[in-house]
Amino acid sequence: MTVAQIVTRLKWIVFLIPCHRIEDRCLTIKGYTLPLCARCTGILAGYLFFPFLLLFDLSFPLWLGILLNLPMVIDGWTQKRKFRMSNNSLRLSTGIVSGLGQSMIIVSASQSIISILL
């Protein structure tokens, strides 16, 4: 089975992710528009840090994970309130930072729970 066949078979998984999928907010690569908006794509890309945090036993304080989510929240909130217009580059970068922050929160909470139980 080729990579293209695997991707085609797993494509339906993307549609389980809650995303508004507004086309002008989705990234386009070589003429192909991704099925998720730039912010959701960034969050998923940020989740790629998760295995490294676990593998290398990197622990960060919980507050840092929460702090890393603030740029995305501010970007989304100010855009929704029409204070300014965001762009896909900013959505992607704040999404990546938020995904990293969420990964830190999950690892930090998991380590805390494990230390309590053991």
PDB file of N, CA and C in Angstrom:
ATOM      1  N   MET A   1       0.856  -1.176   0.000  1.00  0.00           N
ATOM      2  CA  MET A   1       0.000   0.000   0.000  1.00  0.00           C
ATOM      3  C   MET A   1       0.902   1.240   0.000  1.00  0.00           C
ATOM      4  N   THR A   2       0.617   2.166  -0.893  1.00  0.00           N
ATOM      5  CA  THR A   2       1.425   3.379  -0.995  1.00  0.00           C
ATOM      6  C   THR A   2       0.958   4.411   0.028  1.00  0.00           C
ATOM      7  N   VAL A   3       1.777   5.425   0.200  1.00  0.00           N
ATOM      8  CA  VAL A   3       1.433   6.508   1.129  1.00  0.00           C
ATOM      9  C   VAL A   3       0.166   7.209   0.660  1.00  0.00           C
ATOM     10  N   ALA A   4       0.038   7.426  -0.635  1.00  0.00           N
ATOM     11  CA  ALA A   4      -1.153   8.083  -1.178  1.00  0.00           C
ATOM     12  C   ALA A   4      -2.413   7.284  -0.867  1.00  0.00           C
ATOM     13  N   GLN A   5      -2.326   5.969  -0.948  1.00  0.00           N
ATOM     14  CA  GLN A   5      -3.489   5.129  -0.642  1.00  0.00           C
ATOM     15  C   GLN A   5      -3.841   5.196   0.838  1.00  0.00           C
ATOM     16  N   ILE A   6      -2.818   5.214   1.682  1.00  0.00           N
ATOM     17  CA  ILE A   6      -3.058   5.321   3.127  1.00  0.00           C
ATOM     18  C   ILE A   6      -3.724   6.644   3.457  1.00  0.00           C
ATOM     19  N   VAL A   7      -3.213   7.723   2.876  1.00  0.00           N
ATOM     20  CA  VAL A   7      -3.782   9.057   3.114  1.00  0.00           C
ATOM     21  C   VAL A   7      -5.230   9.102   2.648  1.00  0.00           C
ATOM     22  N   THR A   8      -5.499   8.542   1.486  1.00  0.00           N
ATOM     23  CA  THR A   8      -6.863   8.526   0.960  1.00  0.00           C
ATOM     24  C   THR A   8      -7.808   7.777   1.886  1.00  0.00           C
ATOM     25  N   ARG A   9      -7.352   6.673   2.435  1.00  0.00           N
ATOM     26  CA  ARG A   9      -8.210   5.887   3.328  1.00  0.00           C
ATOM     27  C   ARG A   9      -8.433   6.567   4.676  1.00  0.00           C
ATOM     28  N   LEU A  10      -7.463   7.350   5.133  1.00  0.00           N
ATOM     29  CA  LEU A  10      -7.583   7.997   6.439  1.00  0.00           C
ATOM     30  C   LEU A  10      -8.128   9.420   6.354  1.00  0.00           C
ATOM     31  N   LYS A  11      -8.465   9.872   5.160  1.00  0.00           N
ATOM     32  CA  LYS A  11      -8.925  11.244   4.949  1.00  0.00           C
ATOM     33  C   LYS A  11     -10.175  11.582   5.768  1.00  0.00           C
ATOM     34  N   TRP A  12     -11.055  10.626   5.988  1.00  0.00           N
ATOM     35  CA  TRP A  12     -12.302  10.870   6.709  1.00  0.00           C
ATOM     36  C   TRP A  12     -12.050  11.320   8.152  1.00  0.00           C
ATOM     37  N   ILE A  13     -10.898  10.954   8.724  1.00  0.00           N
ATOM     38  CA  ILE A  13     -10.596  11.319  10.111  1.00  0.00           C
ATOM     39  C   ILE A  13     -10.565  12.836  10.287  1.00  0.00           C
ATOM     40  N   VAL A  14     -10.084  13.542   9.268  1.00  0.00           N
ATOM     41  CA  VAL A  14      -9.990  14.997   9.337  1.00  0.00           C
ATOM     42  C   VAL A  14     -11.364  15.620   9.570  1.00  0.00           C
ATOM     43  N   PHE A  15     -12.400  15.021   9.025  1.00  0.00           N
ATOM     44  CA  PHE A  15     -13.733  15.607   9.146  1.00  0.00           C
ATOM     45  C   PHE A  15     -14.367  15.371  10.515  1.00  0.00           C
ATOM     46  N   LEU A  16     -13.694  14.618  11.383  1.00  0.00           N
ATOM     47  CA  LEU A  16     -14.146  14.472  12.766  1.00  0.00           C
ATOM     48  C   LEU A  16     -13.701  15.657  13.626  1.00  0.00           C
ATOM     49  N   ILE A  17     -12.725  16.414  13.133  1.00  0.00           N
ATOM     50  CA  ILE A  17     -12.182  17.559  13.872  1.00  0.00           C
ATOM     51  C   ILE A  17     -13.146  18.733  13.726  1.00  0.00           C
ATOM     52  N   PRO A  18     -13.592  19.311  14.844  1.00  0.00           N
ATOM     53  CA  PRO A  18     -14.518  20.448  14.744  1.00  0.00           C
ATOM     54  C   PRO A  18     -13.785  21.695  14.243  1.00  0.00           C
ATOM     55  N   CYS A  19     -14.111  22.116  13.044  1.00  0.00           N
ATOM     56  CA  CYS A  19     -13.483  23.273  12.414  1.00  0.00           C
ATOM     57  C   CYS A  19     -14.517  23.904  11.490  1.00  0.00           C
ATOM     58  N   HIS A  20     -14.513  25.221  11.386  1.00  0.00           N
ATOM     59  CA  HIS A  20     -15.509  25.885  10.535  1.00  0.00           C
ATOM     60  C   HIS A  20     -15.240  25.672   9.046  1.00  0.00           C
ATOM     61  N   ARG A  21     -14.001  25.387   8.668  1.00  0.00           N
ATOM     62  CA  ARG A  21     -13.604  25.080   7.292  1.00  0.00           C
ATOM     63  C   ARG A  21     -13.973  26.176   6.288  1.00  0.00           C
ATOM     64  N   ILE A  22     -13.889  27.427   6.708  1.00  0.00           N
ATOM     65  CA  ILE A  22     -14.116  28.540   5.786  1.00  0.00           C
ATOM     66  C   ILE A  22     -12.952  28.562   4.801  1.00  0.00           C
ATOM     67  N   GLU A  23     -13.256  28.458   3.536  1.00  0.00           N
ATOM     68  CA  GLU A  23     -12.230  28.209   2.523  1.00  0.00           C
ATOM     69  C   GLU A  23     -11.151  29.293   2.464  1.00  0.00           C
ATOM     70  N   ASP A  24     -11.522  30.570   2.614  1.00  0.00           N
ATOM     71  CA  ASP A  24     -10.497  31.615   2.532  1.00  0.00           C
ATOM     72  C   ASP A  24      -9.603  31.648   3.775  1.00  0.00           C
ATOM     73  N   ARG A  25      -9.959  30.912   4.807  1.00  0.00           N
ATOM     74  CA  ARG A  25      -9.110  30.806   5.995  1.00  0.00           C
ATOM     75  C   ARG A  25      -8.323  29.497   6.025  1.00  0.00           C
ATOM     76  N   CYS A  26      -8.460  28.695   4.988  1.00  0.00           N
ATOM     77  CA  CYS A  26      -7.718  27.445   4.869  1.00  0.00           C
ATOM     78  C   CYS A  26      -6.442  27.693   4.061  1.00  0.00           C
ATOM     79  N   LEU A  27      -5.414  26.934   4.360  1.00  0.00           N
ATOM     80  CA  LEU A  27      -4.156  27.061   3.638  1.00  0.00           C
ATOM     81  C   LEU A  27      -4.268  26.349   2.291  1.00  0.00           C
ATOM     82  N   THR A  28      -3.641  26.925   1.290  1.00  0.00           N
ATOM     83  CA  THR A  28      -3.584  26.318  -0.033  1.00  0.00           C
ATOM     84  C   THR A  28      -2.128  26.032  -0.367  1.00  0.00           C
ATOM     85  N   ILE A  29      -1.832  24.779  -0.676  1.00  0.00           N
ATOM     86  CA  ILE A  29      -0.478  24.361  -1.002  1.00  0.00           C
ATOM     87  C   ILE A  29      -0.499  23.732  -2.391  1.00  0.00           C
ATOM     88  N   LYS A  30       0.247  24.337  -3.327  1.00  0.00           N
ATOM     89  CA  LYS A  30       0.331  23.852  -4.716  1.00  0.00           C
ATOM     90  C   LYS A  30      -1.052  23.625  -5.324  1.00  0.00           C
ATOM     91  N   GLY A  31      -1.962  24.559  -5.091  1.00  0.00           N
ATOM     92  CA  GLY A  31      -3.293  24.476  -5.676  1.00  0.00           C
ATOM     93  C   GLY A  31      -4.284  23.616  -4.906  1.00  0.00           C
ATOM     94  N   TYR A  32      -3.829  22.931  -3.854  1.00  0.00           N
ATOM     95  CA  TYR A  32      -4.720  22.087  -3.053  1.00  0.00           C
ATOM     96  C   TYR A  32      -5.057  22.807  -1.754  1.00  0.00           C
ATOM     97  N   THR A  33      -6.332  23.033  -1.512  1.00  0.00           N
ATOM     98  CA  THR A  33      -6.775  23.694  -0.285  1.00  0.00           C
ATOM     99  C   THR A  33      -6.962  22.647   0.802  1.00  0.00           C
ATOM    100  N   LEU A  34      -6.294  22.844   1.922  1.00  0.00           N
ATOM    101  CA  LEU A  34      -6.398  21.901   3.031  1.00  0.00           C
ATOM    102  C   LEU A  34      -7.809  21.934   3.609  1.00  0.00           C
ATOM    103  N   PRO A  35      -8.289  20.816   4.150  1.00  0.00           N
ATOM    104  CA  PRO A  35      -9.666  20.750   4.644  1.00  0.00           C
ATOM    105  C   PRO A  35      -9.877  21.420   6.004  1.00  0.00           C
ATOM    106  N   LEU A  36      -8.813  21.864   6.656  1.00  0.00           N
ATOM    107  CA  LEU A  36      -8.935  22.548   7.945  1.00  0.00           C
ATOM    108  C   LEU A  36      -8.445  23.982   7.811  1.00  0.00           C
ATOM    109  N   CYS A  37      -8.958  24.866   8.649  1.00  0.00           N
ATOM    110  CA  CYS A  37      -8.502  26.249   8.613  1.00  0.00           C
ATOM    111  C   CYS A  37      -7.047  26.326   9.090  1.00  0.00           C
ATOM    112  N   ALA A  38      -6.425  27.467   8.858  1.00  0.00           N
ATOM    113  CA  ALA A  38      -5.015  27.648   9.208  1.00  0.00           C
ATOM    114  C   ALA A  38      -4.790  27.483  10.712  1.00  0.00           C
ATOM    115  N   ARG A  39      -5.715  27.974  11.526  1.00  0.00           N
ATOM    116  CA  ARG A  39      -5.564  27.878  12.976  1.00  0.00           C
ATOM    117  C   ARG A  39      -5.617  26.426  13.449  1.00  0.00           C
ATOM    118  N   CYS A  40      -6.581  25.662  12.951  1.00  0.00           N
ATOM    119  CA  CYS A  40      -6.678  24.244  13.330  1.00  0.00           C
ATOM    120  C   CYS A  40      -5.489  23.449  12.801  1.00  0.00           C
ATOM    121  N   THR A  41      -5.027  23.770  11.607  1.00  0.00           N
ATOM    122  CA  THR A  41      -3.837  23.124  11.060  1.00  0.00           C
ATOM    123  C   THR A  41      -2.638  23.406  11.954  1.00  0.00           C
ATOM    124  N   GLY A  42      -2.516  24.650  12.420  1.00  0.00           N
ATOM    125  CA  GLY A  42      -1.429  25.013  13.326  1.00  0.00           C
ATOM    126  C   GLY A  42      -1.507  24.278  14.648  1.00  0.00           C
ATOM    127  N   ILE A  43      -2.696  24.154  15.194  1.00  0.00           N
ATOM    128  CA  ILE A  43      -2.864  23.428  16.459  1.00  0.00           C
ATOM    129  C   ILE A  43      -2.422  21.981  16.293  1.00  0.00           C
ATOM    130  N   LEU A  44      -2.861  21.346  15.201  1.00  0.00           N
ATOM    131  CA  LEU A  44      -2.448  19.960  14.962  1.00  0.00           C
ATOM    132  C   LEU A  44      -0.939  19.864  14.774  1.00  0.00           C
ATOM    133  N   ALA A  45      -0.340  20.833  14.098  1.00  0.00           N
ATOM    134  CA  ALA A  45       1.122  20.844  13.933  1.00  0.00           C
ATOM    135  C   ALA A  45       1.799  21.008  15.292  1.00  0.00           C
ATOM    136  N   GLY A  46       1.213  21.826  16.168  1.00  0.00           N
ATOM    137  CA  GLY A  46       1.758  22.005  17.518  1.00  0.00           C
ATOM    138  C   GLY A  46       1.697  20.742  18.345  1.00  0.00           C
ATOM    139  N   TYR A  47       0.696  19.904  18.067  1.00  0.00           N
ATOM    140  CA  TYR A  47       0.588  18.631  18.777  1.00  0.00           C
ATOM    141  C   TYR A  47       1.748  17.690  18.448  1.00  0.00           C
ATOM    142  N   LEU A  48       2.460  17.951  17.362  1.00  0.00           N
ATOM    143  CA  LEU A  48       3.605  17.108  17.000  1.00  0.00           C
ATOM    144  C   LEU A  48       4.732  17.222  18.029  1.00  0.00           C
ATOM    145  N   PHE A  49       4.702  18.250  18.872  1.00  0.00           N
ATOM    146  CA  PHE A  49       5.703  18.398  19.932  1.00  0.00           C
ATOM    147  C   PHE A  49       5.438  17.433  21.092  1.00  0.00           C
ATOM    148  N   PHE A  50       4.208  16.957  21.196  1.00  0.00           N
ATOM    149  CA  PHE A  50       3.800  16.116  22.315  1.00  0.00           C
ATOM    150  C   PHE A  50       4.702  14.893  22.536  1.00  0.00           C
ATOM    151  N   PRO A  51       4.991  14.099  21.489  1.00  0.00           N
ATOM    152  CA  PRO A  51       5.844  12.924  21.722  1.00  0.00           C
ATOM    153  C   PRO A  51       7.244  13.295  22.217  1.00  0.00           C
ATOM    154  N   PHE A  52       7.770  14.433  21.745  1.00  0.00           N
ATOM    155  CA  PHE A  52       9.104  14.852  22.184  1.00  0.00           C
ATOM    156  C   PHE A  52       9.111  15.257  23.658  1.00  0.00           C
ATOM    157  N   LEU A  53       8.021  15.876  24.097  1.00  0.00           N
ATOM    158  CA  LEU A  53       7.919  16.243  25.513  1.00  0.00           C
ATOM    159  C   LEU A  53       7.911  14.991  26.382  1.00  0.00           C
ATOM    160  N   LEU A  54       7.249  13.946  25.911  1.00  0.00           N
ATOM    161  CA  LEU A  54       7.207  12.690  26.660  1.00  0.00           C
ATOM    162  C   LEU A  54       8.513  11.910  26.537  1.00  0.00           C
ATOM    163  N   LEU A  55       9.038  11.827  25.314  1.00  0.00           N
ATOM    164  CA  LEU A  55      10.228  11.025  25.048  1.00  0.00           C
ATOM    165  C   LEU A  55      11.452  11.526  25.815  1.00  0.00           C
ATOM    166  N   PHE A  56      11.627  12.830  25.805  1.00  0.00           N
ATOM    167  CA  PHE A  56      12.800  13.416  26.455  1.00  0.00           C
ATOM    168  C   PHE A  56      12.518  13.872  27.883  1.00  0.00           C
ATOM    169  N   ASP A  57      11.348  13.474  28.393  1.00  0.00           N
ATOM    170  CA  ASP A  57      10.939  13.776  29.763  1.00  0.00           C
ATOM    171  C   ASP A  57      11.089  15.267  30.077  1.00  0.00           C
ATOM    172  N   LEU A  58      10.629  16.093  29.145  1.00  0.00           N
ATOM    173  CA  LEU A  58      10.675  17.537  29.337  1.00  0.00           C
ATOM    174  C   LEU A  58       9.450  17.954  30.131  1.00  0.00           C
ATOM    175  N   SER A  59       9.675  18.599  31.226  1.00  0.00           N
ATOM    176  CA  SER A  59       8.537  19.062  32.023  1.00  0.00           C
ATOM    177  C   SER A  59       8.578  20.580  32.129  1.00  0.00           C
ATOM    178  N   PHE A  60       7.447  21.158  31.944  1.00  0.00           N
ATOM    179  CA  PHE A  60       7.298  22.603  32.012  1.00  0.00           C
ATOM    180  C   PHE A  60       6.181  22.913  32.993  1.00  0.00           C
ATOM    181  N   PRO A  61       6.218  24.079  33.604  1.00  0.00           N
ATOM    182  CA  PRO A  61       5.132  24.424  34.530  1.00  0.00           C
ATOM    183  C   PRO A  61       3.803  24.583  33.789  1.00  0.00           C
ATOM    184  N   LEU A  62       2.749  24.274  34.466  1.00  0.00           N
ATOM    185  CA  LEU A  62       1.406  24.351  33.899  1.00  0.00           C
ATOM    186  C   LEU A  62       1.098  25.763  33.389  1.00  0.00           C
ATOM    187  N   TRP A  63       1.549  26.774  34.120  1.00  0.00           N
ATOM    188  CA  TRP A  63       1.251  28.150  33.738  1.00  0.00           C
ATOM    189  C   TRP A  63       1.852  28.496  32.372  1.00  0.00           C
ATOM    190  N   LEU A  64       2.975  27.880  32.016  1.00  0.00           N
ATOM    191  CA  LEU A  64       3.594  28.165  30.725  1.00  0.00           C
ATOM    192  C   LEU A  64       2.720  27.628  29.587  1.00  0.00           C
ATOM    193  N   GLY A  65       2.158  26.442  29.765  1.00  0.00           N
ATOM    194  CA  GLY A  65       1.245  25.890  28.764  1.00  0.00           C
ATOM    195  C   GLY A  65       0.019  26.768  28.578  1.00  0.00           C
ATOM    196  N   ILE A  66      -0.506  27.282  29.684  1.00  0.00           N
ATOM    197  CA  ILE A  66      -1.668  28.177  29.619  1.00  0.00           C
ATOM    198  C   ILE A  66      -1.280  29.482  28.932  1.00  0.00           C
ATOM    199  N   LEU A  67      -0.118  30.014  29.267  1.00  0.00           N
ATOM    200  CA  LEU A  67       0.364  31.267  28.681  1.00  0.00           C
ATOM    201  C   LEU A  67       0.540  31.146  27.165  1.00  0.00           C
ATOM    202  N   LEU A  68       0.992  29.984  26.704  1.00  0.00           N
ATOM    203  CA  LEU A  68       1.203  29.788  25.266  1.00  0.00           C
ATOM    204  C   LEU A  68      -0.106  29.716  24.479  1.00  0.00           C
ATOM    205  N   ASN A  69      -1.217  29.544  25.160  1.00  0.00           N
ATOM    206  CA  ASN A  69      -2.516  29.540  24.484  1.00  0.00           C
ATOM    207  C   ASN A  69      -3.084  30.948  24.323  1.00  0.00           C
ATOM    208  N   LEU A  70      -2.571  31.898  25.090  1.00  0.00           N
ATOM    209  CA  LEU A  70      -3.126  33.256  25.048  1.00  0.00           C
ATOM    210  C   LEU A  70      -3.004  33.946  23.689  1.00  0.00           C
ATOM    211  N   PRO A  71      -1.885  33.825  22.955  1.00  0.00           N
ATOM    212  CA  PRO A  71      -1.838  34.508  21.655  1.00  0.00           C
ATOM    213  C   PRO A  71      -2.958  34.071  20.700  1.00  0.00           C
ATOM    214  N   MET A  72      -3.277  32.792  20.684  1.00  0.00           N
ATOM    215  CA  MET A  72      -4.353  32.321  19.815  1.00  0.00           C
ATOM    216  C   MET A  72      -5.706  32.853  20.286  1.00  0.00           C
ATOM    217  N   VAL A  73      -5.910  32.841  21.586  1.00  0.00           N
ATOM    218  CA  VAL A  73      -7.178  33.346  22.131  1.00  0.00           C
ATOM    219  C   VAL A  73      -7.331  34.831  21.807  1.00  0.00           C
ATOM    220  N   ILE A  74      -6.278  35.592  21.981  1.00  0.00           N
ATOM    221  CA  ILE A  74      -6.333  37.032  21.690  1.00  0.00           C
ATOM    222  C   ILE A  74      -6.552  37.273  20.204  1.00  0.00           C
ATOM    223  N   ASP A  75      -5.843  36.514  19.363  1.00  0.00           N
ATOM    224  CA  ASP A  75      -6.006  36.660  17.913  1.00  0.00           C
ATOM    225  C   ASP A  75      -7.440  36.342  17.496  1.00  0.00           C
ATOM    226  N   GLY A  76      -7.967  35.233  17.969  1.00  0.00           N
ATOM    227  CA  GLY A  76      -9.339  34.853  17.614  1.00  0.00           C
ATOM    228  C   GLY A  76     -10.379  35.809  18.158  1.00  0.00           C
ATOM    229  N   TRP A  77     -10.182  36.263  19.404  1.00  0.00           N
ATOM    230  CA  TRP A  77     -11.159  37.151  20.037  1.00  0.00           C
ATOM    231  C   TRP A  77     -11.178  38.526  19.372  1.00  0.00           C
ATOM    232  N   THR A  78     -10.002  39.079  19.119  1.00  0.00           N
ATOM    233  CA  THR A  78      -9.958  40.410  18.489  1.00  0.00           C
ATOM    234  C   THR A  78     -10.483  40.355  17.055  1.00  0.00           C
ATOM    235  N   GLN A  79     -10.295  39.233  16.391  1.00  0.00           N
ATOM    236  CA  GLN A  79     -10.842  39.083  15.043  1.00  0.00           C
ATOM    237  C   GLN A  79     -12.362  38.955  15.100  1.00  0.00           C
ATOM    238  N   LYS A  80     -12.865  38.153  16.032  1.00  0.00           N
ATOM    239  CA  LYS A  80     -14.312  37.966  16.160  1.00  0.00           C
ATOM    240  C   LYS A  80     -15.012  39.274  16.522  1.00  0.00           C
ATOM    241  N   ARG A  81     -14.391  40.079  17.374  1.00  0.00           N
ATOM    242  CA  ARG A  81     -14.984  41.353  17.797  1.00  0.00           C
ATOM    243  C   ARG A  81     -14.786  42.464  16.753  1.00  0.00           C
ATOM    244  N   LYS A  82     -14.120  42.093  15.627  1.00  0.00           N
ATOM    245  CA  LYS A  82     -13.877  43.013  14.515  1.00  0.00           C
ATOM    246  C   LYS A  82     -12.998  44.202  14.913  1.00  0.00           C
ATOM    247  N   PHE A  83     -12.100  43.982  15.883  1.00  0.00           N
ATOM    248  CA  PHE A  83     -11.130  45.012  16.243  1.00  0.00           C
ATOM    249  C   PHE A  83     -10.046  45.113  15.179  1.00  0.00           C
ATOM    250  N   ARG A  84      -9.807  44.001  14.500  1.00  0.00           N
ATOM    251  CA  ARG A  84      -8.795  43.951  13.449  1.00  0.00           C
ATOM    252  C   ARG A  84      -9.042  42.696  12.625  1.00  0.00           C
ATOM    253  N   MET A  85      -8.335  42.606  11.507  1.00  0.00           N
ATOM    254  CA  MET A  85      -8.461  41.422  10.647  1.00  0.00           C
ATOM    255  C   MET A  85      -7.192  40.595  10.792  1.00  0.00           C
ATOM    256  N   SER A  86      -7.359  39.318  11.006  1.00  0.00           N
ATOM    257  CA  SER A  86      -6.220  38.416  11.110  1.00  0.00           C
ATOM    258  C   SER A  86      -5.870  37.912   9.713  1.00  0.00           C
ATOM    259  N   ASN A  87      -4.767  37.178   9.611  1.00  0.00           N
ATOM    260  CA  ASN A  87      -4.400  36.566   8.327  1.00  0.00           C
ATOM    261  C   ASN A  87      -3.963  35.130   8.590  1.00  0.00           C
ATOM    262  N   ASN A  88      -3.848  34.356   7.534  1.00  0.00           N
ATOM    263  CA  ASN A  88      -3.556  32.936   7.693  1.00  0.00           C
ATOM    264  C   ASN A  88      -2.188  32.670   8.308  1.00  0.00           C
ATOM    265  N   SER A  89      -1.200  33.509   8.037  1.00  0.00           N
ATOM    266  CA  SER A  89       0.122  33.318   8.639  1.00  0.00           C
ATOM    267  C   SER A  89       0.050  33.472  10.159  1.00  0.00           C
ATOM    268  N   LEU A  90      -0.678  34.484  10.603  1.00  0.00           N
ATOM    269  CA  LEU A  90      -0.839  34.702  12.045  1.00  0.00           C
ATOM    270  C   LEU A  90      -1.671  33.586  12.671  1.00  0.00           C
ATOM    271  N   ARG A  91      -2.731  33.163  11.985  1.00  0.00           N
ATOM    272  CA  ARG A  91      -3.558  32.060  12.497  1.00  0.00           C
ATOM    273  C   ARG A  91      -2.739  30.783  12.629  1.00  0.00           C
ATOM    274  N   LEU A  92      -1.922  30.488  11.621  1.00  0.00           N
ATOM    275  CA  LEU A  92      -1.096  29.288  11.642  1.00  0.00           C
ATOM    276  C   LEU A  92      -0.080  29.349  12.780  1.00  0.00           C
ATOM    277  N   SER A  93       0.617  30.477  12.915  1.00  0.00           N
ATOM    278  CA  SER A  93       1.660  30.573  13.948  1.00  0.00           C
ATOM    279  C   SER A  93       1.075  30.558  15.358  1.00  0.00           C
ATOM    280  N   THR A  94      -0.034  31.252  15.584  1.00  0.00           N
ATOM    281  CA  THR A  94      -0.634  31.202  16.924  1.00  0.00           C
ATOM    282  C   THR A  94      -1.223  29.824  17.204  1.00  0.00           C
ATOM    283  N   GLY A  95      -1.682  29.140  16.157  1.00  0.00           N
ATOM    284  CA  GLY A  95      -2.175  27.770  16.323  1.00  0.00           C
ATOM    285  C   GLY A  95      -1.061  26.817  16.723  1.00  0.00           C
ATOM    286  N   ILE A  96       0.108  26.950  16.096  1.00  0.00           N
ATOM    287  CA  ILE A  96       1.249  26.091  16.443  1.00  0.00           C
ATOM    288  C   ILE A  96       1.660  26.318  17.888  1.00  0.00           C
ATOM    289  N   VAL A  97       1.749  27.576  18.293  1.00  0.00           N
ATOM    290  CA  VAL A  97       2.127  27.897  19.678  1.00  0.00           C
ATOM    291  C   VAL A  97       1.077  27.348  20.648  1.00  0.00           C
ATOM    292  N   SER A  98      -0.192  27.460  20.281  1.00  0.00           N
ATOM    293  CA  SER A  98      -1.256  26.936  21.131  1.00  0.00           C
ATOM    294  C   SER A  98      -1.193  25.409  21.229  1.00  0.00           C
ATOM    295  N   GLY A  99      -0.941  24.743  20.116  1.00  0.00           N
ATOM    296  CA  GLY A  99      -0.808  23.281  20.135  1.00  0.00           C
ATOM    297  C   GLY A  99       0.339  22.832  21.027  1.00  0.00           C
ATOM    298  N   LEU A 100       1.454  23.573  20.980  1.00  0.00           N
ATOM    299  CA  LEU A 100       2.575  23.285  21.873  1.00  0.00           C
ATOM    300  C   LEU A 100       2.156  23.499  23.321  1.00  0.00           C
ATOM    301  N   GLY A 101       1.454  24.606  23.585  1.00  0.00           N
ATOM    302  CA  GLY A 101       0.984  24.886  24.939  1.00  0.00           C
ATOM    303  C   GLY A 101       0.024  23.825  25.451  1.00  0.00           C
ATOM    304  N   GLN A 102      -0.881  23.359  24.592  1.00  0.00           N
ATOM    305  CA  GLN A 102      -1.810  22.309  24.996  1.00  0.00           C
ATOM    306  C   GLN A 102      -1.066  21.006  25.286  1.00  0.00           C
ATOM    307  N   SER A 103      -0.046  20.733  24.479  1.00  0.00           N
ATOM    308  CA  SER A 103       0.779  19.538  24.730  1.00  0.00           C
ATOM    309  C   SER A 103       1.463  19.649  26.090  1.00  0.00           C
ATOM    310  N   MET A 104       1.969  20.834  26.419  1.00  0.00           N
ATOM    311  CA  MET A 104       2.610  21.047  27.723  1.00  0.00           C
ATOM    312  C   MET A 104       1.616  20.848  28.860  1.00  0.00           C
ATOM    313  N   ILE A 105       0.400  21.343  28.682  1.00  0.00           N
ATOM    314  CA  ILE A 105      -0.627  21.191  29.717  1.00  0.00           C
ATOM    315  C   ILE A 105      -0.944  19.715  29.930  1.00  0.00           C
ATOM    316  N   ILE A 106      -1.099  18.968  28.850  1.00  0.00           N
ATOM    317  CA  ILE A 106      -1.423  17.541  28.961  1.00  0.00           C
ATOM    318  C   ILE A 106      -0.296  16.786  29.653  1.00  0.00           C
ATOM    319  N   VAL A 107       0.962  17.057  29.262  1.00  0.00           N
ATOM    320  CA  VAL A 107       2.103  16.375  29.879  1.00  0.00           C
ATOM    321  C   VAL A 107       2.220  16.760  31.349  1.00  0.00           C
ATOM    322  N   SER A 108       2.063  18.036  31.651  1.00  0.00           N
ATOM    323  CA  SER A 108       2.168  18.503  33.034  1.00  0.00           C
ATOM    324  C   SER A 108       1.077  17.882  33.906  1.00  0.00           C
ATOM    325  N   ALA A 109      -0.159  17.891  33.407  1.00  0.00           N
ATOM    326  CA  ALA A 109      -1.262  17.307  34.175  1.00  0.00           C
ATOM    327  C   ALA A 109      -1.062  15.806  34.348  1.00  0.00           C
ATOM    328  N   SER A 110      -0.604  15.134  33.288  1.00  0.00           N
ATOM    329  CA  SER A 110      -0.370  13.688  33.370  1.00  0.00           C
ATOM    330  C   SER A 110       0.713  13.364  34.393  1.00  0.00           C
ATOM    331  N   GLN A 111       1.785  14.136  34.381  1.00  0.00           N
ATOM    332  CA  GLN A 111       2.870  13.906  35.347  1.00  0.00           C
ATOM    333  C   GLN A 111       2.390  14.138  36.774  1.00  0.00           C
ATOM    334  N   SER A 112       1.550  15.155  36.962  1.00  0.00           N
ATOM    335  CA  SER A 112       1.013  15.423  38.296  1.00  0.00           C
ATOM    336  C   SER A 112       0.127  14.262  38.782  1.00  0.00           C
ATOM    337  N   ILE A 113      -0.729  13.790  37.908  1.00  0.00           N
ATOM    338  CA  ILE A 113      -1.635  12.682  38.256  1.00  0.00           C
ATOM    339  C   ILE A 113      -0.828  11.435  38.575  1.00  0.00           C
ATOM    340  N   ILE A 114       0.171  11.142  37.768  1.00  0.00           N
ATOM    341  CA  ILE A 114       1.005   9.964  37.989  1.00  0.00           C
ATOM    342  C   ILE A 114       1.742  10.069  39.296  1.00  0.00           C
ATOM    343  N   SER A 115       2.282  11.261  39.615  1.00  0.00           N
ATOM    344  CA  SER A 115       3.020  11.409  40.878  1.00  0.00           C
ATOM    345  C   SER A 115       2.100  11.269  42.096  1.00  0.00           C
ATOM    346  N   ILE A 116       0.838  11.646  41.960  1.00  0.00           N
ATOM    347  CA  ILE A 116      -0.124  11.483  43.047  1.00  0.00           C
ATOM    348  C   ILE A 116      -0.471  10.013  43.242  1.00  0.00           C
ATOM    349  N   LEU A 117      -0.660   9.322  42.126  1.00  0.00           N
ATOM    350  CA  LEU A 117      -1.054   7.913  42.194  1.00  0.00           C
ATOM    351  C   LEU A 117       0.074   6.984  42.625  1.00  0.00           C
ATOM    352  N   LEU A 118       1.307   7.339  42.271  1.00  0.00           N
ATOM    353  CA  LEU A 118       2.416   6.439  42.582  1.00  0.00           C
ATOM    354  C   LEU A 118       3.164   6.874  43.782  1.00  0.00           C
TER     355      LEU A 118
END
